[in-house]
């Protein structure tokens, strides 16, 4: 059975460190502690005294003063790893933790999880070809030497960087090592850890290189593990659940996040708020429990992105020159069916195709698989379609040799509506109002990753009103925009009323419009 040696790095809260070490070792696992040398000596002495009689706890022989973004964090980790390897010959896995981490599964579950797959868990992506780094320095982290801490000596950090840049004092990345990047929270097998330590001894050139890189805790282990372990034995993920805001700050969890955390496909989570005492107590007790079955829904990240994204509506980059200067053509009419229930709009479009000569395209700005003719590659990806939307529409008009075209948009695509209605062409909007049952909203939440099959009912009960409000908000936003030539058909309206709307919107005969409106399956979920 798996035996875990936890590599615990901490710089504060001695009482929390003691509790964490006692909790993790009570189930037969081990802990190796590096307590920051910048911390108060009394705090370190308190930890040593409290854990002195625990044979499953060891300490790094050398304590280092650690700084964010510095090599010192990697060096401290290596010191704790060395201590763990020497003290715990029975440890099969080595798991990187901080003082802000708490278990969200039982030790029993964690051991079974690690036994089930003989692999290393470390997030590692190609440094140069991935988009793991969203903003700021990328190759500059590596090709320049960073001797100063960016947070505590900001002026020296950037002055040193600027002089190196001006003088062209760059350096090459070690030629035989593929640079990787990822989260610093990993879980490695004993053999892998021993290979990493051997690499550190055998390759002083690589060690010298990393010592002056910036934020090496996101690159060192990620790179070395990929160098010494076959790819097939690496799972490029972390087993610690963590999220970041758009500003690069870690998301903090509180008392009411308990059920959400337990339903995620991870073993630990960070960061737990210091004020979340009830959550800490419940998660602390969880580790030693047995026989618990966990329902994994894993919707945490998507749910967070959805809820925070609702507060950032209305942001749009300036139009590109080919969009602002190009027109679809004054003589052309673009008809846009706007509907949240995509299947309803698709059924409407299908009926329009079969009963009229109006060419129609479904959700081409939302679904990559929407059938489109070959237009020279501009239609090949969603990104290209959205960036070159006016050029794409002109080409579709030309391809179908028509002056009338019908497309579908999701109500959330307000920027596309604003862009098209600003064109010189005749633009018509048909908003299709549908009824949304709780069952439909739950299905929608699962389709977009906001909920899973095992999401707790209390989470769903809080989520559904939020989604319903979000749908109303999208509709209200369209109305507030006061687009010209806007029409509205409703699920609850009589077919005759909807037929009159369709006749005006599509500019077709009342008889054909009536036949479309009488489609009995149009609004069926």
Protein backbone atom coordinates (compact mmCIF):
# COMPACT_ATOMS: atom_id res chain seq x y z
CA UNK A 1 0.00 0.00 0.00
CA UNK A 2 1.12 3.56 -0.72
CA UNK A 3 2.94 5.39 2.05
CA UNK A 4 3.18 9.14 1.53
CA UNK A 5 6.00 11.38 2.73
CA UNK A 6 4.54 14.89 2.72
CA UNK A 7 6.99 17.66 1.93
CA UNK A 8 5.63 20.51 4.02
CA UNK A 9 6.91 24.04 3.41
CA UNK A 10 5.69 26.69 5.82
CA UNK A 11 6.67 30.09 7.17
CA UNK A 12 3.94 30.85 9.73
CA UNK A 13 1.25 29.43 12.03
CA UNK A 14 3.27 26.96 14.13
CA UNK A 15 0.08 25.59 15.74
CA UNK A 16 -1.33 24.83 12.28
CA UNK A 17 1.89 23.09 11.23
CA UNK A 18 1.81 20.93 14.35
CA UNK A 19 -1.82 19.95 13.80
CA UNK A 20 -1.21 19.18 10.16
CA UNK A 21 1.82 16.99 10.90
CA UNK A 22 -0.05 15.08 13.63
CA UNK A 23 -3.08 14.60 11.37
CA UNK A 24 -1.10 13.32 8.38
CA UNK A 25 1.08 10.94 10.37
CA UNK A 26 -1.83 9.48 12.37
CA UNK A 27 -2.80 7.39 9.33
CA UNK A 28 0.64 5.87 8.84
CA UNK A 29 2.18 8.49 6.55
CA UNK A 30 5.20 10.74 7.06
CA UNK A 31 6.01 14.46 7.09
CA UNK A 32 9.25 16.31 6.33
CA UNK A 33 9.12 19.98 7.36
CA UNK A 34 11.01 23.01 6.12
CA UNK A 35 10.12 26.03 8.26
CA UNK A 36 11.33 29.29 6.75
CA UNK A 37 14.47 30.67 8.39
CA UNK A 38 12.89 34.14 8.27
CA UNK A 39 10.26 33.01 10.79
CA UNK A 40 10.58 33.67 14.51
CA UNK A 41 13.02 31.26 16.20
CA UNK A 42 10.46 30.71 18.96
CA UNK A 43 7.92 29.44 16.42
CA UNK A 44 10.38 26.90 15.03
CA UNK A 45 11.38 25.77 18.51
CA UNK A 46 7.71 25.29 19.35
CA UNK A 47 7.22 23.01 16.33
CA UNK A 48 10.35 20.99 17.06
CA UNK A 49 9.36 20.49 20.70
CA UNK A 50 5.77 19.47 19.93
CA UNK A 51 6.80 16.91 17.28
CA UNK A 52 10.04 15.66 18.82
CA UNK A 53 8.52 12.36 19.96
CA UNK A 54 6.83 11.63 16.62
CA UNK A 55 9.00 9.17 14.64
CA UNK A 56 7.08 9.93 11.43
CA UNK A 57 8.19 13.57 11.37
CA UNK A 58 11.58 14.84 10.26
CA UNK A 59 13.02 18.28 9.53
CA UNK A 60 15.19 19.70 6.79
CA UNK A 61 18.79 19.79 8.00
CA UNK A 62 19.32 23.23 6.53
CA UNK A 63 16.77 26.01 6.91
CA UNK A 64 16.75 28.69 4.21
CA UNK A 65 15.33 32.18 3.99
CA UNK A 66 12.74 31.85 1.24
CA UNK A 67 11.43 34.51 -1.10
CA UNK A 68 8.64 34.39 -3.67
CA UNK A 69 9.93 33.78 -7.18
CA UNK A 70 13.42 32.86 -5.95
CA UNK A 71 15.51 29.71 -6.21
CA UNK A 72 15.34 29.53 -2.40
CA UNK A 73 11.89 27.91 -2.61
CA UNK A 74 13.27 25.09 -4.77
CA UNK A 75 16.34 24.75 -2.57
CA UNK A 76 14.14 24.51 0.55
CA UNK A 77 12.03 21.84 -1.15
CA UNK A 78 15.13 19.85 -2.04
CA UNK A 79 16.35 20.05 1.57
CA UNK A 80 13.04 18.65 2.83
CA UNK A 81 13.03 15.96 0.14
CA UNK A 82 16.54 14.84 1.08
CA UNK A 83 15.52 14.62 4.73
CA UNK A 84 12.42 12.59 3.85
CA UNK A 85 14.30 10.15 1.61
CA UNK A 86 16.85 9.50 4.37
CA UNK A 87 14.38 9.27 7.27
CA UNK A 88 11.54 7.30 5.66
CA UNK A 89 12.76 4.33 3.60
CA UNK A 90 9.19 2.98 3.56
CA UNK A 91 7.75 6.03 1.79
CA UNK A 92 6.52 5.19 -1.72
CA UNK A 93 5.35 8.68 -2.72
CA UNK A 94 6.43 12.23 -1.94
CA UNK A 95 3.68 14.86 -1.91
CA UNK A 96 4.40 18.61 -1.94
CA UNK A 97 2.22 20.61 0.49
CA UNK A 98 2.08 24.07 2.05
CA UNK A 99 0.69 25.18 5.36
CA UNK A 100 -2.41 26.45 3.54
CA UNK A 101 -3.35 23.00 2.18
CA UNK A 102 -6.05 20.75 3.64
CA UNK A 103 -7.19 17.25 2.65
CA UNK A 104 -10.46 16.93 0.71
CA UNK A 105 -10.34 13.13 0.61
CA UNK A 106 -9.58 10.48 3.22
CA UNK A 107 -6.15 8.89 3.62
CA UNK A 108 -7.80 5.60 2.65
CA UNK A 109 -8.97 7.14 -0.64
CA UNK A 110 -5.58 8.77 -1.30
CA UNK A 111 -3.67 5.53 -0.76
CA UNK A 112 -6.01 3.59 -3.04
CA UNK A 113 -5.81 6.32 -5.67
CA UNK A 114 -2.00 6.22 -5.75
CA UNK A 115 -1.90 2.41 -5.72
CA UNK A 116 -4.22 2.28 -8.74
CA UNK A 117 -1.77 3.97 -11.14
CA UNK A 118 2.01 3.65 -11.08
CA UNK A 119 2.70 7.21 -12.19
CA UNK A 120 3.96 10.64 -11.19
CA UNK A 121 1.52 13.53 -10.84
CA UNK A 122 3.10 16.80 -11.87
CA UNK A 123 1.66 19.45 -14.13
CA UNK A 124 4.21 20.02 -16.89
CA UNK A 125 3.62 21.81 -20.19
CA UNK A 126 6.05 22.84 -22.89
CA UNK A 127 7.45 26.15 -21.68
CA UNK A 128 7.60 27.92 -25.03
CA UNK A 129 4.67 26.39 -26.92
CA UNK A 130 2.00 26.39 -24.21
CA UNK A 131 -0.03 29.34 -22.96
CA UNK A 132 0.47 28.49 -19.28
CA UNK A 133 1.98 31.95 -18.68
CA UNK A 134 -0.85 34.38 -19.41
CA UNK A 135 0.90 37.75 -18.94
CA UNK A 136 4.29 39.24 -18.14
CA UNK A 137 7.73 37.73 -18.61
CA UNK A 138 8.00 34.43 -20.47
CA UNK A 139 11.34 33.65 -22.12
CA UNK A 140 12.74 36.55 -20.05
CA UNK A 141 12.39 34.34 -16.97
CA UNK A 142 15.06 32.06 -18.41
CA UNK A 143 17.41 33.88 -20.78
CA UNK A 144 18.27 36.66 -18.32
CA UNK A 145 19.82 36.23 -14.88
CA UNK A 146 17.68 37.24 -11.92
CA UNK A 147 19.69 37.93 -8.77
CA UNK A 148 17.17 40.07 -6.90
CA UNK A 149 13.71 39.46 -5.47
CA UNK A 150 11.05 41.18 -7.58
CA UNK A 151 8.81 41.87 -4.57
CA UNK A 152 11.32 43.05 -1.99
CA UNK A 153 13.89 44.72 -4.30
CA UNK A 154 11.72 45.77 -7.23
CA UNK A 155 14.00 48.59 -8.42
CA UNK A 156 17.09 46.36 -8.43
CA UNK A 157 15.20 43.53 -10.10
CA UNK A 158 14.03 45.64 -13.06
CA UNK A 159 17.21 47.72 -13.34
CA UNK A 160 19.27 44.54 -13.55
CA UNK A 161 16.92 43.13 -16.15
CA UNK A 162 16.92 46.33 -18.23
CA UNK A 163 20.73 46.57 -18.34
CA UNK A 164 21.03 42.93 -19.42
CA UNK A 165 18.44 43.54 -22.11
CA UNK A 166 20.17 46.66 -23.43
CA UNK A 167 23.60 45.00 -23.47
CA UNK A 168 22.28 41.80 -25.01
CA UNK A 169 23.44 39.69 -22.08
CA UNK A 170 21.22 36.71 -22.78
CA UNK A 171 22.09 33.07 -22.21
CA UNK A 172 21.03 29.80 -23.78
CA UNK A 173 18.77 27.27 -22.15
CA UNK A 174 20.59 23.95 -21.55
CA UNK A 175 20.48 22.30 -24.97
CA UNK A 176 19.61 18.75 -23.90
CA UNK A 177 16.81 19.71 -21.52
CA UNK A 178 13.28 20.52 -22.67
CA UNK A 179 11.95 23.35 -20.51
CA UNK A 180 8.58 22.63 -18.92
CA UNK A 181 6.26 24.65 -16.71
CA UNK A 182 3.37 23.95 -14.36
CA UNK A 183 2.03 24.01 -10.83
CA UNK A 184 4.55 23.50 -8.02
CA UNK A 185 2.20 21.15 -6.15
CA UNK A 186 3.25 17.66 -7.21
CA UNK A 187 3.20 14.03 -6.06
CA UNK A 188 6.16 11.90 -7.16
CA UNK A 189 7.11 8.25 -6.69
CA UNK A 190 10.16 7.35 -4.62
CA UNK A 191 12.15 6.20 -7.64
CA UNK A 192 11.46 9.51 -9.38
CA UNK A 193 12.56 11.54 -6.38
CA UNK A 194 15.79 9.54 -6.18
CA UNK A 195 16.41 10.16 -9.90
CA UNK A 196 15.80 13.89 -9.42
CA UNK A 197 18.32 14.03 -6.56
CA UNK A 198 20.86 12.13 -8.66
CA UNK A 199 20.28 14.58 -11.53
CA UNK A 200 21.02 17.45 -9.16
CA UNK A 201 24.41 15.89 -8.36
CA UNK A 202 25.26 14.92 -11.91
CA UNK A 203 24.28 18.17 -13.64
CA UNK A 204 25.81 21.18 -11.86
CA UNK A 205 25.45 23.15 -15.12
CA UNK A 206 21.66 22.83 -15.04
CA UNK A 207 21.58 23.66 -11.35
CA UNK A 208 23.60 26.85 -11.98
CA UNK A 209 21.17 27.79 -14.74
CA UNK A 210 18.06 27.39 -12.62
CA UNK A 211 19.50 29.25 -9.62
CA UNK A 212 19.19 32.56 -11.47
CA UNK A 213 15.92 31.95 -13.29
CA UNK A 214 12.76 33.68 -12.13
CA UNK A 215 10.00 31.65 -10.41
CA UNK A 216 11.89 28.34 -10.75
CA UNK A 217 9.41 26.49 -8.52
CA UNK A 218 7.16 26.45 -11.62
CA UNK A 219 9.90 25.06 -13.89
CA UNK A 220 12.61 23.10 -12.05
CA UNK A 221 10.84 19.91 -10.95
CA UNK A 222 8.54 20.09 -13.98
CA UNK A 223 11.57 20.07 -16.31
CA UNK A 224 13.74 17.57 -14.47
CA UNK A 225 10.97 15.01 -13.96
CA UNK A 226 10.19 15.08 -17.69
CA UNK A 227 13.91 14.58 -18.36
CA UNK A 228 14.36 11.51 -16.15
CA UNK A 229 10.93 9.82 -16.37
CA UNK A 230 9.26 8.39 -19.50
CA UNK A 231 6.26 10.44 -20.65
CA UNK A 232 3.90 7.47 -20.34
CA UNK A 233 4.55 7.39 -16.58
CA UNK A 234 3.67 11.08 -16.03
CA UNK A 235 0.18 12.45 -15.44
CA UNK A 236 0.37 16.15 -16.29
CA UNK A 237 -1.87 17.37 -13.50
CA UNK A 238 -1.70 18.31 -9.86
CA UNK A 239 -3.56 16.45 -7.13
CA UNK A 240 -4.05 19.69 -5.19
CA UNK A 241 -7.16 21.71 -6.10
CA UNK A 242 -6.42 25.40 -6.50
CA UNK A 243 -7.80 28.21 -8.62
CA UNK A 244 -6.64 31.69 -9.56
CA UNK A 245 -8.54 34.88 -10.31
CA UNK A 246 -8.01 36.92 -13.49
CA UNK A 247 -5.51 38.97 -11.50
CA UNK A 248 -3.31 35.98 -10.71
CA UNK A 249 -4.38 35.76 -7.07
CA UNK A 250 -5.25 32.39 -5.52
CA UNK A 251 -8.91 31.80 -4.74
CA UNK A 252 -9.58 31.36 -1.02
CA UNK A 253 -12.06 28.78 0.29
CA UNK A 254 -14.44 29.36 3.19
CA UNK A 255 -16.81 27.36 5.43
CA UNK A 256 -19.58 27.07 2.84
CA UNK A 257 -17.24 25.49 0.27
CA UNK A 258 -17.07 22.14 2.08
CA UNK A 259 -19.34 20.11 -0.24
CA UNK A 260 -17.89 21.73 -3.35
CA UNK A 261 -14.33 20.80 -2.32
CA UNK A 262 -15.17 17.17 -1.55
CA UNK A 263 -16.74 16.72 -4.99
CA UNK A 264 -13.56 17.74 -6.85
CA UNK A 265 -11.20 15.17 -8.40
CA UNK A 266 -8.28 16.04 -6.13
CA UNK A 267 -6.78 14.90 -2.83
CA UNK A 268 -5.97 18.27 -1.24
CA UNK A 269 -7.04 21.90 -1.69
CA UNK A 270 -5.51 25.32 -1.11
CA UNK A 271 -5.88 28.05 0.02
CA UNK A 272 -8.16 27.63 3.01
CA UNK A 273 -9.04 30.91 4.74
CA UNK A 274 -7.54 31.32 8.23
CA UNK A 275 -11.04 32.36 9.33
CA UNK A 276 -12.69 29.19 8.01
CA UNK A 277 -12.34 27.34 11.30
CA UNK A 278 -15.38 25.13 10.76
CA UNK A 279 -14.08 24.08 7.32
CA UNK A 280 -10.63 23.35 8.74
CA UNK A 281 -12.12 21.25 11.53
CA UNK A 282 -14.28 19.21 9.16
CA UNK A 283 -11.51 18.65 6.61
CA UNK A 284 -9.02 17.86 9.35
CA UNK A 285 -11.26 15.12 10.71
CA UNK A 286 -11.95 13.81 7.20
CA UNK A 287 -8.39 12.54 6.59
CA UNK A 288 -8.59 9.77 9.20
CA UNK A 289 -12.12 8.57 8.37
CA UNK A 290 -12.75 5.28 6.60
CA UNK A 291 -15.38 3.82 4.32
CA UNK A 292 -16.46 7.15 2.83
CA UNK A 293 -17.56 7.16 -0.81
CA UNK A 294 -17.01 10.38 -2.72
CA UNK A 295 -19.25 11.56 -5.57
CA UNK A 296 -16.92 13.35 -8.00
CA UNK A 297 -18.56 16.08 -10.10
CA UNK A 298 -15.45 18.24 -10.64
CA UNK A 299 -17.32 21.39 -11.68
CA UNK A 300 -15.37 23.78 -9.42
CA UNK A 301 -13.28 25.66 -11.99
CA UNK A 302 -16.07 26.07 -14.54
CA UNK A 303 -18.47 27.20 -11.82
CA UNK A 304 -16.01 29.79 -10.54
CA UNK A 305 -15.34 31.13 -14.05
CA UNK A 306 -19.09 31.38 -14.73
CA UNK A 307 -19.97 33.19 -11.51
CA UNK A 308 -17.07 35.65 -11.62
CA UNK A 309 -17.55 36.26 -15.35
CA UNK A 310 -21.03 37.60 -14.76
CA UNK A 311 -19.50 40.73 -13.28
CA UNK A 312 -17.44 41.54 -16.36
CA UNK A 313 -20.17 42.00 -18.96
CA UNK A 314 -19.83 44.62 -21.66
CA UNK A 315 -16.09 44.57 -22.20
CA UNK A 316 -15.02 44.54 -25.83
CA UNK A 317 -11.86 45.31 -27.73
CA UNK A 318 -11.90 47.95 -30.43
CA UNK A 319 -13.01 46.82 -33.88
CA UNK A 320 -10.26 45.76 -36.22
CA UNK A 321 -9.70 47.83 -39.32
CA UNK A 322 -11.13 45.22 -41.69
CA UNK A 323 -14.28 45.09 -39.58
CA UNK A 324 -14.81 48.83 -39.10
CA UNK A 325 -14.23 49.74 -42.73
CA UNK A 326 -15.86 46.80 -44.52
CA UNK A 327 -19.62 46.47 -45.01
CA UNK A 328 -21.81 43.50 -45.83
CA UNK A 329 -23.41 45.65 -48.54
CA UNK A 330 -26.29 48.12 -48.43
CA UNK A 331 -28.44 45.93 -50.65
CA UNK A 332 -28.13 42.85 -48.42
CA UNK A 333 -30.31 41.67 -45.54
CA UNK A 334 -28.86 39.66 -42.66
CA UNK A 335 -31.47 38.01 -40.45
CA UNK A 336 -30.32 36.89 -37.01
CA UNK A 337 -32.33 34.40 -34.94
CA UNK A 338 -31.33 34.81 -31.27
CA UNK A 339 -32.22 31.90 -28.99
CA UNK A 340 -30.72 30.34 -25.86
CA UNK A 341 -32.24 26.95 -26.66
CA UNK A 342 -30.11 26.14 -29.65
CA UNK A 343 -32.22 23.17 -30.67
CA UNK A 344 -35.26 25.44 -31.04
CA UNK A 345 -33.46 27.85 -33.36
CA UNK A 346 -32.01 24.95 -35.34
CA UNK A 347 -35.48 23.49 -35.87
CA UNK A 348 -36.74 26.89 -37.01
CA UNK A 349 -33.82 27.23 -39.42
CA UNK A 350 -34.46 23.76 -40.80
CA UNK A 351 -38.10 24.63 -41.49
CA UNK A 352 -37.08 27.91 -43.15
CA UNK A 353 -34.67 26.03 -45.41
CA UNK A 354 -37.31 23.50 -46.43
CA UNK A 355 -40.13 26.00 -47.08
CA UNK A 356 -38.26 29.03 -48.50
CA UNK A 357 -35.27 29.85 -50.67
CA UNK A 358 -33.46 31.67 -47.83
CA UNK A 359 -29.97 30.22 -47.14
CA UNK A 360 -29.47 29.63 -43.44
CA UNK A 361 -26.50 28.81 -41.20
CA UNK A 362 -26.82 27.70 -37.60
CA UNK A 363 -24.58 28.67 -34.65
CA UNK A 364 -21.37 29.10 -36.65
CA UNK A 365 -19.88 31.59 -34.18
CA UNK A 366 -20.44 29.19 -31.27
CA UNK A 367 -20.11 25.63 -32.64
CA UNK A 368 -16.90 24.64 -34.40
CA UNK A 369 -18.62 21.74 -36.17
CA UNK A 370 -21.25 23.90 -37.91
CA UNK A 371 -21.22 22.85 -41.61
CA UNK A 372 -19.67 25.61 -43.73
CA UNK A 373 -18.30 25.71 -47.28
CA UNK A 374 -14.56 25.99 -47.84
CA UNK A 375 -13.92 29.73 -47.85
CA UNK A 376 -10.13 29.66 -47.99
CA UNK A 377 -9.55 28.83 -44.32
CA UNK A 378 -11.35 31.82 -42.79
CA UNK A 379 -14.07 29.42 -41.62
CA UNK A 380 -11.70 26.80 -40.15
CA UNK A 381 -11.81 27.80 -36.46
CA UNK A 382 -14.14 29.67 -34.12
CA UNK A 383 -11.40 32.18 -33.46
CA UNK A 384 -11.04 33.02 -37.15
CA UNK A 385 -14.79 33.22 -37.66
CA UNK A 386 -15.18 35.71 -34.82
CA UNK A 387 -12.14 37.79 -35.74
CA UNK A 388 -13.13 38.07 -39.42
CA UNK A 389 -16.88 37.94 -38.97
CA UNK A 390 -17.80 40.59 -41.54
CA UNK A 391 -15.49 39.16 -44.17
CA UNK A 392 -16.94 35.71 -43.44
CA UNK A 393 -20.50 36.97 -43.85
CA UNK A 394 -19.70 38.68 -47.16
CA UNK A 395 -18.16 35.45 -48.46
CA UNK A 396 -21.26 33.48 -47.41
CA UNK A 397 -23.52 35.92 -49.22
CA UNK A 398 -21.35 35.53 -52.31
CA UNK A 399 -21.13 31.73 -51.98
CA UNK A 400 -24.92 31.37 -51.84
CA UNK A 401 -25.38 34.06 -54.52
CA UNK A 402 -28.05 35.73 -52.42
CA UNK A 403 -28.90 39.05 -50.84
CA UNK A 404 -30.68 37.42 -47.90
CA UNK A 405 -29.09 35.21 -45.27
CA UNK A 406 -30.31 33.77 -41.94
CA UNK A 407 -27.94 32.91 -39.06
CA UNK A 408 -28.31 31.93 -35.39
CA UNK A 409 -26.67 33.60 -32.38
CA UNK A 410 -26.64 32.88 -28.68
CA UNK A 411 -28.11 35.74 -26.59
CA UNK A 412 -24.77 36.13 -24.85
CA UNK A 413 -23.16 37.28 -28.14
CA UNK A 414 -24.17 40.90 -27.64
CA UNK A 415 -20.90 42.12 -29.16
CA UNK A 416 -21.67 40.33 -32.44
CA UNK A 417 -25.16 41.82 -32.53
CA UNK A 418 -23.79 45.31 -31.89
CA UNK A 419 -21.21 44.87 -34.61
CA UNK A 420 -23.62 43.57 -37.23
CA UNK A 421 -26.37 46.12 -36.47
CA UNK A 422 -23.82 48.90 -36.97
CA UNK A 423 -23.31 47.74 -40.57
CA UNK A 424 -24.78 49.51 -43.60
CA UNK A 425 -26.72 46.38 -44.56
CA UNK A 426 -30.29 45.75 -43.37
CA UNK A 427 -29.97 43.78 -40.14
CA UNK A 428 -33.00 42.11 -38.57
CA UNK A 429 -33.07 40.42 -35.15
CA UNK A 430 -35.58 37.81 -34.05
CA UNK A 431 -35.44 37.04 -30.35
CA UNK A 432 -37.04 33.67 -29.64
CA UNK A 433 -38.32 33.65 -26.06
CA UNK A 434 -38.40 30.17 -24.52
CA UNK A 435 -39.61 28.86 -21.18
CA UNK A 436 -36.90 27.37 -18.94
CA UNK A 437 -37.85 24.62 -16.53
CA UNK A 438 -35.58 23.62 -13.65
CA UNK A 439 -34.94 20.36 -15.47
CA UNK A 440 -33.75 22.20 -18.56
CA UNK A 441 -31.56 24.57 -16.51
CA UNK A 442 -29.94 21.62 -14.74
CA UNK A 443 -29.23 19.97 -18.09
CA UNK A 444 -27.80 23.24 -19.36
CA UNK A 445 -25.57 23.52 -16.28
CA UNK A 446 -24.25 20.01 -16.88
CA UNK A 447 -23.69 20.61 -20.60
CA UNK A 448 -21.55 23.69 -19.96
CA UNK A 449 -19.64 22.16 -17.04
CA UNK A 450 -21.23 24.12 -14.17
CA UNK A 451 -22.58 20.95 -12.57
CA UNK A 452 -21.99 17.23 -12.76
CA UNK A 453 -24.06 14.13 -12.23
CA UNK A 454 -22.97 14.04 -8.60
CA UNK A 455 -23.17 17.74 -7.76
CA UNK A 456 -24.80 18.09 -4.29
CA UNK A 457 -28.46 19.16 -4.35
CA UNK A 458 -27.84 22.24 -2.18
CA UNK A 459 -25.26 23.47 -4.69
CA UNK A 460 -27.78 22.96 -7.52
CA UNK A 461 -30.49 24.75 -5.53
CA UNK A 462 -28.28 27.83 -5.26
CA UNK A 463 -27.02 27.56 -8.82
CA UNK A 464 -30.32 27.33 -10.75
CA UNK A 465 -31.70 30.75 -9.68
CA UNK A 466 -28.37 32.29 -10.67
CA UNK A 467 -28.52 30.74 -14.15
CA UNK A 468 -32.18 31.76 -14.56
CA UNK A 469 -31.29 35.33 -13.60
CA UNK A 470 -28.38 35.24 -16.01
CA UNK A 471 -30.69 34.24 -18.89
CA UNK A 472 -33.09 37.06 -18.05
CA UNK A 473 -30.15 39.45 -17.92
CA UNK A 474 -29.07 38.45 -21.43
CA UNK A 475 -32.56 39.10 -22.75
CA UNK A 476 -32.82 42.43 -20.95
CA UNK A 477 -29.48 43.46 -22.36
CA UNK A 478 -30.71 42.87 -25.92
CA UNK A 479 -33.81 44.95 -25.24
CA UNK A 480 -31.80 47.73 -23.59
CA UNK A 481 -29.58 47.90 -26.68
CA UNK A 482 -32.68 49.03 -28.62
CA UNK A 483 -31.55 47.46 -31.87
CA UNK A 484 -33.57 48.58 -34.93
CA UNK A 485 -35.72 46.03 -36.77
CA UNK A 486 -36.08 43.75 -33.76
CA UNK A 487 -38.85 41.13 -33.60
CA UNK A 488 -39.88 38.76 -30.86
CA UNK A 489 -41.65 35.39 -31.01
CA UNK A 490 -42.63 33.59 -27.81
CA UNK A 491 -43.08 29.98 -26.84
CA UNK A 492 -46.25 30.85 -24.94
CA UNK A 493 -47.80 32.83 -27.84
CA UNK A 494 -50.44 31.47 -30.19
CA UNK A 495 -49.15 30.16 -33.57
CA UNK A 496 -51.00 32.92 -35.39
CA UNK A 497 -49.20 35.59 -33.40
CA UNK A 498 -45.80 34.00 -34.06
CA UNK A 499 -46.68 33.54 -37.75
CA UNK A 500 -47.27 37.29 -38.13
CA UNK A 501 -43.87 37.97 -36.56
CA UNK A 502 -42.13 35.43 -38.81
CA UNK A 503 -43.75 36.89 -41.93
CA UNK A 504 -42.33 40.31 -41.12
CA UNK A 505 -38.93 39.07 -40.01
CA UNK A 506 -38.33 36.74 -42.96
CA UNK A 507 -40.34 38.81 -45.47
CA UNK A 508 -42.33 35.72 -46.52
CA UNK A 509 -46.01 35.10 -47.20
CA UNK A 510 -48.39 34.70 -44.25
CA UNK A 511 -49.22 31.17 -45.42
CA UNK A 512 -45.60 29.99 -45.30
CA UNK A 513 -45.07 31.76 -42.01
CA UNK A 514 -48.14 30.03 -40.59
CA UNK A 515 -46.83 26.62 -41.69
CA UNK A 516 -43.51 27.28 -39.92
CA UNK A 517 -45.23 28.53 -36.77
CA UNK A 518 -47.48 25.46 -36.65
CA UNK A 519 -44.46 23.10 -36.43
CA UNK A 520 -45.59 21.00 -33.45
CA UNK A 521 -42.10 20.04 -32.23
CA UNK A 522 -40.55 23.50 -32.52
CA UNK A 523 -40.35 24.25 -28.77
CA UNK A 524 -40.21 20.69 -27.44
CA UNK A 525 -37.23 20.08 -25.10
